[in-house]
């Protein structure tokens, strides 16, 4: 676009017609499907870990778009890279490749310590990455597409959330999400969480294609797999001839203070990971583009990478130049800025401080993915009270709060929340206006819904 043409275009504010928060919400209800209920606020601007609503009120964003805004809002480097790439080449379809697409695939293979022959498939979201992984598992179970399934079963865990599309929903455990859309793709079984004996028994028949695991289950309130479970799951699936597919959509890309959550939970830290210890595939999204929609399936090893060949899967927008540029900028900033160390230390201090606050009974998590339980079911009221005091938090259950702030959260900002939390709890305890729509978990009611 020439400078002369650009100069004649309207400003964005003219196109969206500036209004108050109440006016925006009225317009929302007239124009949007009601799958998310009534939004808590209409946000119009962000900078770092702060956002502002349509009425000018400032909030500390401790949810980060549900673990998406890894570098906060309007990060200058990410913004400049997206703008530069969009001004150069925005979309080409997957009939063609682009330098950013190839460079990002190479970087993800490097970070995952992928062996030779591994490969990446790009998507727009975590649900799409898990759909691709579901098809990968089906292809493996069907003998690479060779007819009747020889391994028809796919395993997941109780409490799992893998997305809202039909294949990902089949992997998701909660009945309330599944029931309205049945029949779902078949063959998926949900095992008791953390029960190695149940997993070993399920694998004994030799007809399991894949096991899907989240290293830390975010939807249910930030619940890490028990110590030793992941390592044993790798051993058992390898012996049974089944794939191990790890959903790191929420936990990946620095959220836990590591590039991926699974090595630490497997007891593998600080060194080279042997090929036999790697999972067969990893899915990513959320923080990968620091707010720009991008997801990925990493197929580890030549055998797994060859399962989906030419024509067996596809996407129009996945891996487009702008999305992959945003992801490259995100990875570069995390790496060059030493953010992994900061996330580990800041998260550890935040968890220690949370544990000292009255009415908090348990604190869980890793890095800046934190869940804490309360001694009374006031989580929905806490979300509302926190908003009034200028904080955005999340309640995945009636007695549970989840925090997933930007990785750039400062110590001063973390301390301000800790200082305000006793008052937030007190306001919630004394609230006489329970509001289920404030329980903005990824999924428990329509108002809480968030697609992966």
Protein backbone atom coordinates (compact mmCIF):
# COMPACT_ATOMS: atom_id res chain seq x y z
CA UNK A 1 0.00 0.00 0.00
CA UNK A 2 1.42 3.38 -0.95
CA UNK A 3 1.88 6.17 1.57
CA UNK A 4 -0.72 8.25 -0.28
CA UNK A 5 -3.38 5.52 -0.07
CA UNK A 6 -2.54 4.72 3.55
CA UNK A 7 -2.86 8.37 4.51
CA UNK A 8 -6.44 8.44 3.25
CA UNK A 9 -7.60 5.47 5.34
CA UNK A 10 -9.65 5.94 8.55
CA UNK A 11 -8.13 5.32 11.98
CA UNK A 12 -9.08 2.04 13.71
CA UNK A 13 -11.03 4.01 16.34
CA UNK A 14 -13.23 5.37 13.57
CA UNK A 15 -13.93 1.89 12.24
CA UNK A 16 -14.97 0.44 15.62
CA UNK A 17 -16.87 3.50 16.89
CA UNK A 18 -15.60 4.15 20.42
CA UNK A 19 -18.15 3.45 23.18
CA UNK A 20 -18.32 2.95 26.94
CA UNK A 21 -17.98 -0.50 28.46
CA UNK A 22 -21.74 -0.79 28.96
CA UNK A 23 -22.41 0.19 25.35
CA UNK A 24 -19.87 -2.31 24.06
CA UNK A 25 -21.41 -5.10 26.14
CA UNK A 26 -24.88 -4.30 24.78
CA UNK A 27 -23.49 -4.47 21.25
CA UNK A 28 -21.71 -7.73 22.10
CA UNK A 29 -24.94 -9.36 23.25
CA UNK A 30 -26.71 -8.30 20.05
CA UNK A 31 -23.98 -9.55 17.71
CA UNK A 32 -22.07 -12.49 19.24
CA UNK A 33 -23.06 -16.12 19.82
CA UNK A 34 -23.61 -16.64 23.53
CA UNK A 35 -21.11 -19.45 24.01
CA UNK A 36 -18.96 -17.35 26.35
CA UNK A 37 -21.76 -15.77 28.36
CA UNK A 38 -21.35 -12.12 29.29
CA UNK A 39 -17.74 -10.89 29.20
CA UNK A 40 -16.45 -9.51 32.48
CA UNK A 41 -15.03 -6.38 30.85
CA UNK A 42 -14.31 -4.95 27.40
CA UNK A 43 -10.55 -4.50 27.18
CA UNK A 44 -9.21 -1.93 24.75
CA UNK A 45 -5.48 -1.58 25.38
CA UNK A 46 -2.52 -3.40 26.93
CA UNK A 47 1.11 -2.73 27.78
CA UNK A 48 3.31 -5.37 29.39
CA UNK A 49 1.35 -7.11 32.14
CA UNK A 50 -1.25 -4.31 32.31
CA UNK A 51 -4.52 -3.86 30.43
CA UNK A 52 -7.17 -1.13 30.38
CA UNK A 53 -10.90 -1.47 29.84
CA UNK A 54 -13.23 0.68 27.75
CA UNK A 55 -13.90 2.92 30.75
CA UNK A 56 -10.20 3.56 31.38
CA UNK A 57 -9.70 1.28 34.41
CA UNK A 58 -6.29 -0.40 34.74
CA UNK A 59 -5.80 -4.09 35.62
CA UNK A 60 -2.81 -6.30 36.33
CA UNK A 61 -3.34 -9.25 34.00
CA UNK A 62 -2.55 -12.39 36.01
CA UNK A 63 -4.30 -14.65 33.50
CA UNK A 64 -2.37 -13.64 30.37
CA UNK A 65 -5.11 -14.62 27.95
CA UNK A 66 -5.11 -18.05 29.68
CA UNK A 67 -1.34 -18.57 29.41
CA UNK A 68 -1.20 -17.06 25.90
CA UNK A 69 0.41 -13.63 26.33
CA UNK A 70 3.84 -14.95 27.24
CA UNK A 71 5.48 -11.55 26.70
CA UNK A 72 2.54 -9.50 27.87
CA UNK A 73 0.69 -7.03 25.71
CA UNK A 74 2.12 -4.93 22.87
CA UNK A 75 5.65 -6.22 23.34
CA UNK A 76 7.73 -3.84 21.19
CA UNK A 77 9.94 -6.46 19.53
CA UNK A 78 7.11 -8.89 18.77
CA UNK A 79 4.96 -6.01 17.50
CA UNK A 80 7.73 -4.75 15.23
CA UNK A 81 8.42 -8.23 13.83
CA UNK A 82 4.72 -8.86 13.10
CA UNK A 83 4.37 -5.45 11.45
CA UNK A 84 7.50 -5.92 9.37
CA UNK A 85 6.52 -9.39 8.23
CA UNK A 86 2.95 -8.36 7.40
CA UNK A 87 4.31 -5.49 5.33
CA UNK A 88 6.57 -7.94 3.51
CA UNK A 89 4.57 -11.17 3.06
CA UNK A 90 1.40 -11.96 4.98
CA UNK A 91 -0.02 -15.20 3.60
CA UNK A 92 0.94 -17.60 0.81
CA UNK A 93 -0.99 -20.85 1.57
CA UNK A 94 0.80 -24.13 2.07
CA UNK A 95 1.36 -24.63 -1.65
CA UNK A 96 4.43 -22.53 -0.84
CA UNK A 97 6.90 -22.23 2.02
CA UNK A 98 8.31 -19.16 3.73
CA UNK A 99 11.61 -18.50 5.53
CA UNK A 100 9.91 -17.85 8.89
CA UNK A 101 7.99 -21.13 8.67
CA UNK A 102 11.14 -23.14 8.02
CA UNK A 103 13.22 -21.30 10.64
CA UNK A 104 10.56 -21.81 13.31
CA UNK A 105 10.30 -25.53 12.56
CA UNK A 106 14.07 -25.83 12.89
CA UNK A 107 14.07 -23.93 16.19
CA UNK A 108 11.31 -26.09 17.72
CA UNK A 109 13.17 -29.24 16.68
CA UNK A 110 16.31 -27.86 18.33
CA UNK A 111 14.54 -26.95 21.58
CA UNK A 112 12.84 -30.34 21.80
CA UNK A 113 16.14 -32.19 21.18
CA UNK A 114 14.45 -33.90 18.26
CA UNK A 115 16.38 -36.75 16.62
CA UNK A 116 17.11 -36.81 12.91
CA UNK A 117 14.00 -37.33 10.80
CA UNK A 118 11.67 -35.43 13.16
CA UNK A 119 9.27 -32.86 11.69
CA UNK A 120 6.77 -30.11 12.56
CA UNK A 121 3.21 -29.37 11.44
CA UNK A 122 1.88 -25.85 12.14
CA UNK A 123 -1.68 -25.01 13.16
CA UNK A 124 -3.63 -21.99 14.40
CA UNK A 125 -4.50 -23.26 17.90
CA UNK A 126 -3.96 -25.95 20.50
CA UNK A 127 -7.15 -27.76 19.58
CA UNK A 128 -5.95 -27.97 15.97
CA UNK A 129 -2.56 -29.25 17.10
CA UNK A 130 -4.30 -31.95 19.13
CA UNK A 131 -6.57 -32.77 16.17
CA UNK A 132 -3.44 -33.34 14.11
CA UNK A 133 -2.01 -35.50 16.90
CA UNK A 134 -5.28 -37.46 17.07
CA UNK A 135 -4.99 -38.19 13.34
CA UNK A 136 -1.35 -39.13 13.85
CA UNK A 137 -2.44 -41.67 16.46
CA UNK A 138 -5.21 -43.02 14.24
CA UNK A 139 -2.82 -43.41 11.31
CA UNK A 140 -0.41 -45.29 13.58
CA UNK A 141 -3.21 -47.50 14.90
CA UNK A 142 -4.43 -48.23 11.39
CA UNK A 143 -1.02 -49.30 10.18
CA UNK A 144 -0.30 -45.99 8.40
CA UNK A 145 -3.72 -45.95 6.79
CA UNK A 146 -3.66 -49.54 5.64
CA UNK A 147 -7.25 -50.53 6.45
CA UNK A 148 -8.89 -51.97 9.60
CA UNK A 149 -7.42 -50.65 12.82
CA UNK A 150 -4.97 -53.03 14.45
CA UNK A 151 -4.64 -50.67 17.42
CA UNK A 152 -8.09 -49.04 17.79
CA UNK A 153 -7.75 -47.71 21.35
CA UNK A 154 -6.49 -44.26 22.42
CA UNK A 155 -5.94 -43.46 26.10
CA UNK A 156 -6.25 -40.16 27.97
CA UNK A 157 -6.71 -39.28 31.64
CA UNK A 158 -9.60 -38.24 33.83
CA UNK A 159 -9.45 -34.47 34.22
CA UNK A 160 -7.90 -34.05 30.77
CA UNK A 161 -8.70 -31.11 28.53
CA UNK A 162 -7.37 -31.23 24.98
CA UNK A 163 -9.70 -28.85 23.15
CA UNK A 164 -13.20 -28.26 21.81
CA UNK A 165 -13.07 -29.59 18.25
CA UNK A 166 -14.53 -33.07 17.82
CA UNK A 167 -11.37 -35.15 17.94
CA UNK A 168 -9.86 -33.05 20.74
CA UNK A 169 -13.20 -33.18 22.56
CA UNK A 170 -13.14 -36.98 22.40
CA UNK A 171 -9.83 -36.80 24.29
CA UNK A 172 -11.27 -34.33 26.81
CA UNK A 173 -12.69 -36.00 29.91
CA UNK A 174 -15.45 -33.79 31.30
CA UNK A 175 -18.88 -35.20 30.55
CA UNK A 176 -20.56 -31.79 30.47
CA UNK A 177 -18.42 -30.79 27.50
CA UNK A 178 -18.80 -34.09 25.68
CA UNK A 179 -22.44 -35.08 26.12
CA UNK A 180 -24.14 -32.45 23.90
CA UNK A 181 -21.97 -33.43 20.92
CA UNK A 182 -22.08 -37.21 21.02
CA UNK A 183 -21.42 -39.43 19.20
CA UNK A 184 -17.80 -38.35 19.32
CA UNK A 185 -14.97 -40.10 17.50
CA UNK A 186 -14.75 -43.51 19.15
CA UNK A 187 -12.07 -45.59 20.75
CA UNK A 188 -10.98 -43.11 23.43
CA UNK A 189 -10.79 -44.28 27.05
CA UNK A 190 -10.11 -42.13 30.12
CA UNK A 191 -7.97 -43.70 32.84
CA UNK A 192 -7.82 -42.66 36.51
CA UNK A 193 -5.44 -39.74 36.97
CA UNK A 194 -1.96 -40.73 38.07
CA UNK A 195 -2.78 -44.46 38.39
CA UNK A 196 0.15 -46.39 36.92
CA UNK A 197 -1.43 -49.76 37.65
CA UNK A 198 -4.48 -48.77 35.58
CA UNK A 199 -2.21 -47.58 32.76
CA UNK A 200 -0.18 -50.80 32.79
CA UNK A 201 -3.36 -52.88 32.68
CA UNK A 202 -4.83 -50.83 29.83
CA UNK A 203 -1.68 -51.32 27.75
CA UNK A 204 -1.35 -55.08 28.28
CA UNK A 205 -3.63 -56.04 25.39
CA UNK A 206 -1.28 -54.47 22.83
CA UNK A 207 -4.10 -52.76 20.94
CA UNK A 208 -3.49 -49.19 22.16
CA UNK A 209 -2.38 -46.71 19.51
CA UNK A 210 -1.49 -43.78 21.77
CA UNK A 211 -1.58 -42.26 25.23
CA UNK A 212 -2.28 -38.51 25.46
CA UNK A 213 -1.01 -36.71 28.58
CA UNK A 214 -0.79 -33.15 29.87
CA UNK A 215 2.27 -32.88 32.14
CA UNK A 216 0.21 -30.45 34.24
CA UNK A 217 -3.57 -30.42 33.87
CA UNK A 218 -4.53 -26.75 33.75
CA UNK A 219 -8.29 -27.03 33.31
CA UNK A 220 -8.81 -28.90 36.54
CA UNK A 221 -6.83 -26.41 38.61
CA UNK A 222 -3.12 -26.84 37.76
CA UNK A 223 -2.61 -30.49 38.71
CA UNK A 224 0.86 -31.92 37.89
CA UNK A 225 1.19 -35.61 37.10
CA UNK A 226 2.53 -37.51 40.12
CA UNK A 227 6.26 -37.91 40.46
CA UNK A 228 7.51 -40.75 38.32
CA UNK A 229 4.31 -41.12 36.29
CA UNK A 230 5.62 -39.60 33.07
CA UNK A 231 8.82 -41.61 33.08
CA UNK A 232 6.93 -44.83 33.68
CA UNK A 233 4.35 -43.89 31.05
CA UNK A 234 7.18 -43.57 28.52
CA UNK A 235 8.55 -46.98 29.46
CA UNK A 236 5.16 -48.68 29.40
CA UNK A 237 4.03 -47.19 26.10
CA UNK A 238 7.35 -48.04 24.48
CA UNK A 239 7.09 -51.66 25.65
CA UNK A 240 3.46 -51.88 24.48
CA UNK A 241 4.19 -50.38 21.06
CA UNK A 242 2.00 -47.31 21.68
CA UNK A 243 2.73 -43.66 21.00
CA UNK A 244 3.21 -41.21 23.88
CA UNK A 245 1.79 -37.81 22.89
CA UNK A 246 2.30 -34.90 25.28
CA UNK A 247 -0.06 -31.92 25.23
CA UNK A 248 2.13 -28.95 26.18
CA UNK A 249 -0.31 -26.39 24.81
CA UNK A 250 -0.55 -24.64 28.18
CA UNK A 251 2.69 -25.74 29.82
CA UNK A 252 5.13 -25.23 26.94
CA UNK A 253 7.26 -22.28 25.77
CA UNK A 254 8.63 -21.16 29.12
CA UNK A 255 5.42 -21.20 31.15
CA UNK A 256 6.93 -23.48 33.80
CA UNK A 257 10.40 -21.95 33.61
CA UNK A 258 11.51 -24.56 31.06
CA UNK A 259 10.88 -24.78 27.32
CA UNK A 260 8.75 -27.85 28.03
CA UNK A 261 7.33 -29.12 31.30
CA UNK A 262 7.75 -32.83 30.64
CA UNK A 263 11.55 -33.34 31.09
CA UNK A 264 11.61 -32.02 34.65
CA UNK A 265 8.50 -34.02 35.58
CA UNK A 266 10.23 -37.07 34.08
CA UNK A 267 13.33 -36.48 36.20
CA UNK A 268 15.37 -35.46 33.15
CA UNK A 269 17.12 -32.18 33.83
CA UNK A 270 20.24 -30.35 32.79
CA UNK A 271 21.52 -32.51 29.99
CA UNK A 272 21.06 -34.39 26.76
CA UNK A 273 17.87 -36.44 26.57
CA UNK A 274 18.31 -39.87 25.01
CA UNK A 275 16.06 -40.61 22.02
CA UNK A 276 14.30 -43.47 23.82
CA UNK A 277 13.32 -41.08 26.62
CA UNK A 278 11.59 -38.61 24.28
CA UNK A 279 7.84 -38.69 23.72
CA UNK A 280 6.65 -39.51 20.22
CA UNK A 281 4.94 -36.16 19.72
CA UNK A 282 4.40 -32.83 21.49
CA UNK A 283 1.62 -30.32 20.84
CA UNK A 284 2.09 -26.58 21.43
CA UNK A 285 0.12 -23.33 21.08
CA UNK A 286 -0.95 -20.62 23.58
CA UNK A 287 2.31 -18.82 24.47
CA UNK A 288 4.10 -19.84 21.28
CA UNK A 289 3.08 -16.65 19.43
CA UNK A 290 2.74 -14.42 22.51
CA UNK A 291 -0.83 -13.54 21.52
CA UNK A 292 -0.70 -14.23 17.80
CA UNK A 293 -2.58 -17.45 16.92
CA UNK A 294 -0.11 -20.25 16.19
CA UNK A 295 0.17 -23.88 17.24
CA UNK A 296 2.40 -26.81 16.39
CA UNK A 297 2.63 -30.58 16.38
CA UNK A 298 6.20 -31.81 16.78
CA UNK A 299 6.57 -35.41 15.58
CA UNK A 300 9.72 -36.79 17.20
CA UNK A 301 11.61 -39.42 15.25
CA UNK A 302 11.41 -40.51 11.65
CA UNK A 303 8.82 -43.25 12.26
CA UNK A 304 6.34 -40.83 13.81
CA UNK A 305 7.09 -37.99 11.39
CA UNK A 306 6.33 -40.22 8.40
CA UNK A 307 2.84 -41.18 9.61
CA UNK A 308 1.20 -38.09 8.13
CA UNK A 309 2.33 -37.84 4.54
CA UNK A 310 1.38 -35.72 1.54
CA UNK A 311 -2.37 -35.16 1.39
CA UNK A 312 -3.17 -36.82 4.74
CA UNK A 313 -3.70 -33.55 6.62
CA UNK A 314 -3.70 -29.82 5.93
CA UNK A 315 -4.59 -26.29 6.98
CA UNK A 316 -5.10 -23.01 5.14
CA UNK A 317 -3.62 -20.58 7.65
CA UNK A 318 -1.35 -22.82 9.73
CA UNK A 319 2.31 -21.79 9.58
CA UNK A 320 1.69 -18.58 7.67
CA UNK A 321 4.61 -16.11 7.57
CA UNK A 322 3.18 -13.68 10.15
CA UNK A 323 2.29 -16.34 12.73
CA UNK A 324 5.68 -18.02 12.44
CA UNK A 325 7.47 -14.66 12.61
CA UNK A 326 5.59 -13.89 15.84
CA UNK A 327 6.65 -17.24 17.28
CA UNK A 328 10.29 -16.73 16.29
CA UNK A 329 10.25 -13.31 17.97
CA UNK A 330 8.73 -14.85 21.09
CA UNK A 331 11.33 -17.61 21.33
CA UNK A 332 14.17 -15.15 20.69
CA UNK A 333 12.97 -12.79 23.42
CA UNK A 334 12.53 -15.56 26.00
CA UNK A 335 15.98 -16.94 25.18
CA UNK A 336 17.93 -13.70 24.89
CA UNK A 337 16.26 -12.10 27.91
CA UNK A 338 16.96 -14.95 30.33
CA UNK A 339 13.25 -15.24 31.03
CA UNK A 340 13.31 -18.94 31.92
CA UNK A 341 15.43 -18.24 35.01
CA UNK A 342 13.18 -15.33 35.93
CA UNK A 343 10.03 -17.42 35.58
CA UNK A 344 11.45 -20.14 37.84
CA UNK A 345 12.52 -17.76 40.60
CA UNK A 346 9.50 -15.47 40.42
CA UNK A 347 7.10 -18.38 40.36
CA UNK A 348 8.76 -20.08 43.34
CA UNK A 349 8.55 -16.90 45.43
CA UNK A 350 4.95 -16.29 44.40
CA UNK A 351 3.96 -19.82 45.44
CA UNK A 352 5.73 -19.45 48.80
CA UNK A 353 3.96 -16.16 49.48
CA UNK A 354 0.59 -17.58 48.49
CA UNK A 355 1.03 -20.47 50.93
CA UNK A 356 1.26 -17.99 53.85
CA UNK A 357 -2.12 -16.35 53.19
CA UNK A 358 -5.14 -17.23 55.33
CA UNK A 359 -7.85 -19.42 53.72
CA UNK A 360 -5.43 -20.84 51.12
CA UNK A 361 -5.08 -24.57 51.75
CA UNK A 362 -2.86 -25.78 48.90
CA UNK A 363 -0.62 -24.22 46.25
CA UNK A 364 0.41 -26.14 43.13
CA UNK A 365 2.23 -25.52 39.89
CA UNK A 366 5.53 -24.75 38.29
CA UNK A 367 7.02 -21.47 37.13
CA UNK A 368 4.21 -19.02 36.38
CA UNK A 369 1.46 -21.62 36.04
CA UNK A 370 -0.02 -21.67 39.52
CA UNK A 371 -3.18 -23.02 41.09
CA UNK A 372 -4.28 -22.60 44.68
CA UNK A 373 -7.20 -23.97 46.66
CA UNK A 374 -9.34 -22.19 49.24
CA UNK A 375 -11.05 -23.54 52.33
CA UNK A 376 -14.46 -22.39 51.08
CA UNK A 377 -16.04 -22.21 47.59
CA UNK A 378 -15.59 -18.48 46.93
CA UNK A 379 -13.52 -18.59 43.74
CA UNK A 380 -16.22 -17.01 41.56
CA UNK A 381 -16.65 -14.17 44.02
CA UNK A 382 -12.86 -13.73 44.18
CA UNK A 383 -12.72 -13.19 40.42
CA UNK A 384 -15.22 -10.33 40.75
CA UNK A 385 -13.54 -8.87 43.83
CA UNK A 386 -10.16 -8.99 42.12
CA UNK A 387 -11.55 -7.11 39.13
CA UNK A 388 -12.84 -4.37 41.41
CA UNK A 389 -9.36 -4.02 42.90
CA UNK A 390 -7.64 -4.08 39.50
CA UNK A 391 -6.51 -7.70 39.05
CA UNK A 392 -7.50 -10.32 36.47
CA UNK A 393 -7.49 -13.88 37.84
CA UNK A 394 -9.21 -17.12 36.87
CA UNK A 395 -11.28 -19.75 38.69
CA UNK A 396 -11.28 -23.22 37.13
CA UNK A 397 -13.37 -24.56 40.02
CA UNK A 398 -15.54 -23.35 42.89
CA UNK A 399 -12.64 -23.37 45.37
CA UNK A 400 -9.68 -22.98 43.02
CA UNK A 401 -7.86 -20.00 41.50
CA UNK A 402 -5.49 -20.26 38.56
CA UNK A 403 -2.74 -17.75 37.71
CA UNK A 404 -0.92 -17.69 34.35
CA UNK A 405 0.52 -14.17 34.08
CA UNK A 406 2.89 -12.96 31.39
CA UNK A 407 6.40 -14.32 31.80
CA UNK A 408 7.61 -10.71 32.08
CA UNK A 409 5.65 -10.14 35.31
CA UNK A 410 7.79 -7.96 37.58
CA UNK A 411 8.46 -8.69 41.23
CA UNK A 412 6.72 -5.44 42.16
CA UNK A 413 3.61 -6.51 40.26
CA UNK A 414 3.63 -9.96 41.88
CA UNK A 415 4.02 -8.35 45.31
CA UNK A 416 1.10 -6.00 44.65
CA UNK A 417 -1.19 -8.99 44.10
CA UNK A 418 0.04 -10.75 47.23
CA UNK A 419 -0.59 -7.56 49.22
CA UNK A 420 -4.11 -7.23 47.81
CA UNK A 421 -5.09 -10.90 48.10
CA UNK A 422 -6.26 -10.88 51.75
CA UNK A 423 -8.66 -8.06 50.89
CA UNK A 424 -9.83 -9.90 47.77
CA UNK A 425 -10.55 -12.99 49.89
CA UNK A 426 -12.32 -10.89 52.53
CA UNK A 427 -14.53 -9.22 49.91
CA UNK A 428 -15.36 -12.62 48.44
CA UNK A 429 -16.20 -14.11 51.84
CA UNK A 430 -18.58 -11.25 52.52
CA UNK A 431 -20.16 -11.18 49.06
CA UNK A 432 -23.87 -11.98 48.86
CA UNK A 433 -23.93 -12.00 45.06
CA UNK A 434 -22.53 -15.28 43.74
CA UNK A 435 -21.99 -15.04 39.99
CA UNK A 436 -21.32 -18.36 38.20
CA UNK A 437 -20.36 -16.52 35.02
CA UNK A 438 -17.34 -15.13 36.86
CA UNK A 439 -15.97 -18.66 37.24
CA UNK A 440 -14.06 -18.19 34.05
CA UNK A 441 -12.36 -21.56 33.80
CA UNK A 442 -11.53 -22.87 30.40
CA UNK A 443 -14.70 -24.82 30.39
CA UNK A 444 -17.14 -25.38 33.28
CA UNK A 445 -20.12 -23.37 32.10
CA UNK A 446 -20.86 -21.61 28.82
CA UNK A 447 -19.70 -18.36 30.39
CA UNK A 448 -16.39 -19.95 31.26
CA UNK A 449 -15.70 -21.48 27.88
CA UNK A 450 -12.34 -21.12 26.13
CA UNK A 451 -11.32 -23.16 23.17
CA UNK A 452 -7.79 -24.51 23.28
